[in-house]
């Protein structure tokens, strides 16, 4: 086996490995870039907790870290007779 053929045998796995590393690097960069993208809340439709009536008041609750958890009343509903 001449040196050129031997070098090609060695270079082929190295080239494949380099190509794989480049592909992984591209995927990693894409993932890292997407994790830093800002999110946008484009709409809001819900009943607000804590006696809040507007989205602005709701954002203030979130910003201030207000705990608005309350106990709820459980009502037992009787099934109608068959």
C-alpha atoms as a PDB file:
ATOM      1  CA  UNK A   1       0.000   0.000   0.000  1.00  0.00           C
ATOM      2  CA  UNK A   2       1.483   3.318  -0.998  1.00  0.00           C
ATOM      3  CA  UNK A   3       1.443   6.371   1.255  1.00  0.00           C
ATOM      4  CA  UNK A   4      -1.263   8.109  -0.766  1.00  0.00           C
ATOM      5  CA  UNK A   5      -3.767   5.243  -0.369  1.00  0.00           C
ATOM      6  CA  UNK A   6      -2.991   4.980   3.345  1.00  0.00           C
ATOM      7  CA  UNK A   7      -3.428   8.732   3.784  1.00  0.00           C
ATOM      8  CA  UNK A   8      -6.824   8.560   2.030  1.00  0.00           C
ATOM      9  CA  UNK A   9      -7.964   5.765   4.379  1.00  0.00           C
ATOM     10  CA  UNK A  10      -7.011   7.878   7.399  1.00  0.00           C
ATOM     11  CA  UNK A  11      -8.331  11.126   5.946  1.00  0.00           C
ATOM     12  CA  UNK A  12     -11.760   9.720   5.141  1.00  0.00           C
ATOM     13  CA  UNK A  13     -12.753   9.026   8.799  1.00  0.00           C
ATOM     14  CA  UNK A  14     -11.219  12.347   9.824  1.00  0.00           C
ATOM     15  CA  UNK A  15     -13.179  14.189   7.151  1.00  0.00           C
ATOM     16  CA  UNK A  16     -16.388  12.470   8.256  1.00  0.00           C
ATOM     17  CA  UNK A  17     -15.667  13.351  11.883  1.00  0.00           C
ATOM     18  CA  UNK A  18     -14.929  16.969  10.981  1.00  0.00           C
ATOM     19  CA  UNK A  19     -18.147  17.165   8.963  1.00  0.00           C
ATOM     20  CA  UNK A  20     -20.091  15.735  11.924  1.00  0.00           C
ATOM     21  CA  UNK A  21     -18.506  18.223  14.339  1.00  0.00           C
ATOM     22  CA  UNK A  22     -19.392  21.104  12.015  1.00  0.00           C
ATOM     23  CA  UNK A  23     -22.973  19.870  11.804  1.00  0.00           C
ATOM     24  CA  UNK A  24     -23.211  19.586  15.595  1.00  0.00           C
ATOM     25  CA  UNK A  25     -21.761  23.057  15.990  1.00  0.00           C
ATOM     26  CA  UNK A  26     -24.382  24.462  13.633  1.00  0.00           C
ATOM     27  CA  UNK A  27     -27.187  22.720  15.553  1.00  0.00           C
ATOM     28  CA  UNK A  28     -25.815  23.970  18.880  1.00  0.00           C
ATOM     29  CA  UNK A  29     -25.583  27.550  17.620  1.00  0.00           C
ATOM     30  CA  UNK A  30     -29.178  27.351  16.372  1.00  0.00           C
ATOM     31  CA  UNK A  31     -30.404  26.063  19.735  1.00  0.00           C
ATOM     32  CA  UNK A  32     -28.447  28.673  21.684  1.00  0.00           C
ATOM     33  CA  UNK A  33     -29.703  31.459  19.435  1.00  0.00           C
ATOM     34  CA  UNK A  34     -33.328  30.354  19.771  1.00  0.00           C
ATOM     35  CA  UNK A  35     -33.102  30.166  23.571  1.00  0.00           C
ATOM     36  CA  UNK A  36     -32.143  33.845  23.677  1.00  0.00           C
ATOM     37  CA  UNK A  37     -34.977  35.052  21.451  1.00  0.00           C
ATOM     38  CA  UNK A  38     -37.479  37.232  23.275  1.00  0.00           C
ATOM     39  CA  UNK A  39     -41.055  36.047  23.561  1.00  0.00           C
ATOM     40  CA  UNK A  40     -44.049  38.184  22.740  1.00  0.00           C
ATOM     41  CA  UNK A  41     -47.409  37.986  24.426  1.00  0.00           C
ATOM     42  CA  UNK A  42     -49.784  39.100  21.726  1.00  0.00           C
ATOM     43  CA  UNK A  43     -53.061  38.714  23.526  1.00  0.00           C
ATOM     44  CA  UNK A  44     -54.530  38.017  26.889  1.00  0.00           C
ATOM     45  CA  UNK A  45     -57.941  36.714  27.719  1.00  0.00           C
ATOM     46  CA  UNK A  46     -58.664  35.439  31.176  1.00  0.00           C
ATOM     47  CA  UNK A  47     -60.195  36.185  34.498  1.00  0.00           C
ATOM     48  CA  UNK A  48     -57.610  37.934  36.588  1.00  0.00           C
ATOM     49  CA  UNK A  49     -56.845  36.896  40.168  1.00  0.00           C
ATOM     50  CA  UNK A  50     -56.616  39.205  43.155  1.00  0.00           C
ATOM     51  CA  UNK A  51     -59.445  41.625  42.326  1.00  0.00           C
ATOM     52  CA  UNK A  52     -57.568  42.758  39.235  1.00  0.00           C
ATOM     53  CA  UNK A  53     -59.622  44.136  36.359  1.00  0.00           C
ATOM     54  CA  UNK A  54     -57.117  45.197  33.698  1.00  0.00           C
ATOM     55  CA  UNK A  55     -54.028  43.712  32.059  1.00  0.00           C
ATOM     56  CA  UNK A  56     -51.967  46.575  33.500  1.00  0.00           C
ATOM     57  CA  UNK A  57     -53.031  45.686  37.045  1.00  0.00           C
ATOM     58  CA  UNK A  58     -52.290  42.030  36.317  1.00  0.00           C
ATOM     59  CA  UNK A  59     -48.743  42.822  35.119  1.00  0.00           C
ATOM     60  CA  UNK A  60     -48.234  44.900  38.266  1.00  0.00           C
ATOM     61  CA  UNK A  61     -49.181  41.841  40.365  1.00  0.00           C
ATOM     62  CA  UNK A  62     -46.685  39.724  38.419  1.00  0.00           C
ATOM     63  CA  UNK A  63     -43.965  42.353  38.652  1.00  0.00           C
ATOM     64  CA  UNK A  64     -44.481  42.832  42.385  1.00  0.00           C
ATOM     65  CA  UNK A  65     -44.652  39.092  43.081  1.00  0.00           C
ATOM     66  CA  UNK A  66     -47.999  39.335  44.862  1.00  0.00           C
ATOM     67  CA  UNK A  67     -49.409  36.013  46.091  1.00  0.00           C
ATOM     68  CA  UNK A  68     -53.082  35.933  45.173  1.00  0.00           C
ATOM     69  CA  UNK A  69     -53.806  32.297  45.986  1.00  0.00           C
ATOM     70  CA  UNK A  70     -57.056  31.945  47.878  1.00  0.00           C
ATOM     71  CA  UNK A  71     -58.966  29.006  49.269  1.00  0.00           C
ATOM     72  CA  UNK A  72     -61.927  27.999  47.196  1.00  0.00           C
ATOM     73  CA  UNK A  73     -65.238  26.772  48.473  1.00  0.00           C
ATOM     74  CA  UNK A  74     -66.222  23.255  47.493  1.00  0.00           C
ATOM     75  CA  UNK A  75     -69.890  22.870  46.705  1.00  0.00           C
ATOM     76  CA  UNK A  76     -71.365  19.405  46.622  1.00  0.00           C
ATOM     77  CA  UNK A  77     -73.834  18.981  43.816  1.00  0.00           C
ATOM     78  CA  UNK A  78     -76.455  16.307  44.212  1.00  0.00           C
ATOM     79  CA  UNK A  79     -77.243  14.210  41.182  1.00  0.00           C
ATOM     80  CA  UNK A  80     -80.870  14.291  40.139  1.00  0.00           C
ATOM     81  CA  UNK A  81     -82.826  11.123  40.845  1.00  0.00           C
ATOM     82  CA  UNK A  82     -83.056   8.622  38.022  1.00  0.00           C
END
